[in-house]
Amino acid sequence: PGAKKDSVDSQRAALRYVDGELGRLFDAFRERGNPVFCLAFSDHGTAYGEDGYQGHRLAHETVWNVPYREFIL
């Protein structure tokens, strides 16, 4: 939080933050008592020096390939 520039460290910090909050969201879904179909994904990746590229506004496999998971709670 509060990072002025995107970096591997700022991305890791953002992921740690979200990971720490997802449990509360999932618990709230479970408390409702009905199955919930969930999708977890990113809109794009970011290049941090792969093949000399930086950023996410470029046509590179690092940007195209994003994590994806589906599951039912």
C-alpha atoms as a PDB file:
ATOM      1  CA  PRO A   1       0.000   0.000   0.000  1.00  0.00           C
ATOM      2  CA  GLY A   2       1.170   3.484  -0.832  1.00  0.00           C
ATOM      3  CA  ALA A   3       3.756   2.429  -3.426  1.00  0.00           C
ATOM      4  CA  LYS A   4       4.567   5.241  -5.846  1.00  0.00           C
ATOM      5  CA  LYS A   5       6.015   2.953  -8.528  1.00  0.00           C
ATOM      6  CA  ASP A   6       5.122  -0.532  -9.722  1.00  0.00           C
ATOM      7  CA  SER A   7       7.760  -3.136  -8.935  1.00  0.00           C
ATOM      8  CA  VAL A   8       8.070  -6.812  -8.116  1.00  0.00           C
ATOM      9  CA  ASP A   9       8.062  -5.834  -4.428  1.00  0.00           C
ATOM     10  CA  SER A  10       4.912  -3.704  -4.756  1.00  0.00           C
ATOM     11  CA  GLN A  11       3.156  -6.541  -6.599  1.00  0.00           C
ATOM     12  CA  ARG A  12       4.160  -8.991  -3.870  1.00  0.00           C
ATOM     13  CA  ALA A  13       2.882  -6.598  -1.203  1.00  0.00           C
ATOM     14  CA  ALA A  14      -0.450  -6.246  -3.025  1.00  0.00           C
ATOM     15  CA  LEU A  15      -0.796 -10.027  -3.311  1.00  0.00           C
ATOM     16  CA  ARG A  16      -0.008 -10.480   0.392  1.00  0.00           C
ATOM     17  CA  TYR A  17      -2.676  -7.911   1.266  1.00  0.00           C
ATOM     18  CA  VAL A  18      -5.360  -9.511  -0.920  1.00  0.00           C
ATOM     19  CA  ASP A  19      -4.416 -12.997   0.253  1.00  0.00           C
ATOM     20  CA  GLY A  20      -4.834 -11.848   3.839  1.00  0.00           C
ATOM     21  CA  GLU A  21      -8.350 -10.519   3.144  1.00  0.00           C
ATOM     22  CA  LEU A  22      -9.761 -13.336   1.001  1.00  0.00           C
ATOM     23  CA  GLY A  23     -10.381 -15.559   4.017  1.00  0.00           C
ATOM     24  CA  ARG A  24     -12.937 -13.099   5.403  1.00  0.00           C
ATOM     25  CA  LEU A  25     -14.720 -12.921   2.057  1.00  0.00           C
ATOM     26  CA  PHE A  26     -14.788 -16.708   1.674  1.00  0.00           C
ATOM     27  CA  ASP A  27     -16.058 -17.113   5.251  1.00  0.00           C
ATOM     28  CA  ALA A  28     -18.904 -14.698   4.496  1.00  0.00           C
ATOM     29  CA  PHE A  29     -19.836 -16.732   1.419  1.00  0.00           C
ATOM     30  CA  ARG A  30     -19.802 -19.965   3.422  1.00  0.00           C
ATOM     31  CA  GLU A  31     -21.997 -18.457   6.152  1.00  0.00           C
ATOM     32  CA  ARG A  32     -24.759 -17.866   3.617  1.00  0.00           C
ATOM     33  CA  GLY A  33     -25.244 -21.628   3.417  1.00  0.00           C
ATOM     34  CA  ASN A  34     -25.494 -21.893  -0.373  1.00  0.00           C
ATOM     35  CA  PRO A  35     -22.730 -23.060  -2.706  1.00  0.00           C
ATOM     36  CA  VAL A  36     -20.909 -20.180  -4.400  1.00  0.00           C
ATOM     37  CA  PHE A  37     -19.080 -20.591  -7.703  1.00  0.00           C
ATOM     38  CA  CYS A  38     -15.894 -18.507  -7.560  1.00  0.00           C
ATOM     39  CA  LEU A  39     -13.450 -17.347 -10.203  1.00  0.00           C
ATOM     40  CA  ALA A  40     -10.047 -15.945  -9.303  1.00  0.00           C
ATOM     41  CA  PHE A  41      -7.990 -14.353 -12.065  1.00  0.00           C
ATOM     42  CA  SER A  42      -6.054 -11.319 -13.195  1.00  0.00           C
ATOM     43  CA  ASP A  43      -6.751  -9.040 -16.129  1.00  0.00           C
ATOM     44  CA  HIS A  44      -3.130  -9.136 -17.310  1.00  0.00           C
ATOM     45  CA  GLY A  45       0.398  -9.884 -16.230  1.00  0.00           C
ATOM     46  CA  THR A  46       3.330  -7.499 -15.999  1.00  0.00           C
ATOM     47  CA  ALA A  47       6.829  -7.874 -17.420  1.00  0.00           C
ATOM     48  CA  TYR A  48       9.672  -7.167 -15.013  1.00  0.00           C
ATOM     49  CA  GLY A  49      12.617  -7.548 -17.348  1.00  0.00           C
ATOM     50  CA  GLU A  50      11.598 -10.726 -19.178  1.00  0.00           C
ATOM     51  CA  ASP A  51      13.301 -10.606 -22.602  1.00  0.00           C
ATOM     52  CA  GLY A  52      14.197  -6.984 -21.848  1.00  0.00           C
ATOM     53  CA  TYR A  53      10.573  -5.833 -21.495  1.00  0.00           C
ATOM     54  CA  GLN A  54       9.053  -3.760 -18.694  1.00  0.00           C
ATOM     55  CA  GLY A  55       5.369  -3.078 -17.998  1.00  0.00           C
ATOM     56  CA  HIS A  56       2.058  -4.468 -19.176  1.00  0.00           C
ATOM     57  CA  ARG A  57       1.158  -2.414 -22.242  1.00  0.00           C
ATOM     58  CA  LEU A  58       2.978  -4.697 -24.633  1.00  0.00           C
ATOM     59  CA  ALA A  59       2.467  -7.885 -26.594  1.00  0.00           C
ATOM     60  CA  HIS A  60       4.474 -10.430 -24.610  1.00  0.00           C
ATOM     61  CA  GLU A  61       3.669 -13.862 -23.223  1.00  0.00           C
ATOM     62  CA  THR A  62       4.341 -12.641 -19.680  1.00  0.00           C
ATOM     63  CA  VAL A  63       1.482 -10.164 -20.057  1.00  0.00           C
ATOM     64  CA  TRP A  64      -0.891 -12.602 -21.789  1.00  0.00           C
ATOM     65  CA  ASN A  65      -0.520 -15.539 -19.387  1.00  0.00           C
ATOM     66  CA  VAL A  66      -2.396 -14.851 -16.164  1.00  0.00           C
ATOM     67  CA  PRO A  67      -3.283 -17.011 -13.154  1.00  0.00           C
ATOM     68  CA  TYR A  68      -6.766 -18.520 -13.181  1.00  0.00           C
ATOM     69  CA  ARG A  69      -8.677 -20.724 -10.765  1.00  0.00           C
ATOM     70  CA  GLU A  70     -12.301 -21.763 -10.415  1.00  0.00           C
ATOM     71  CA  PHE A  71     -13.803 -23.408  -7.352  1.00  0.00           C
ATOM     72  CA  ILE A  72     -16.974 -23.822  -5.343  1.00  0.00           C
ATOM     73  CA  LEU A  73     -17.266 -22.742  -1.714  1.00  0.00           C
END
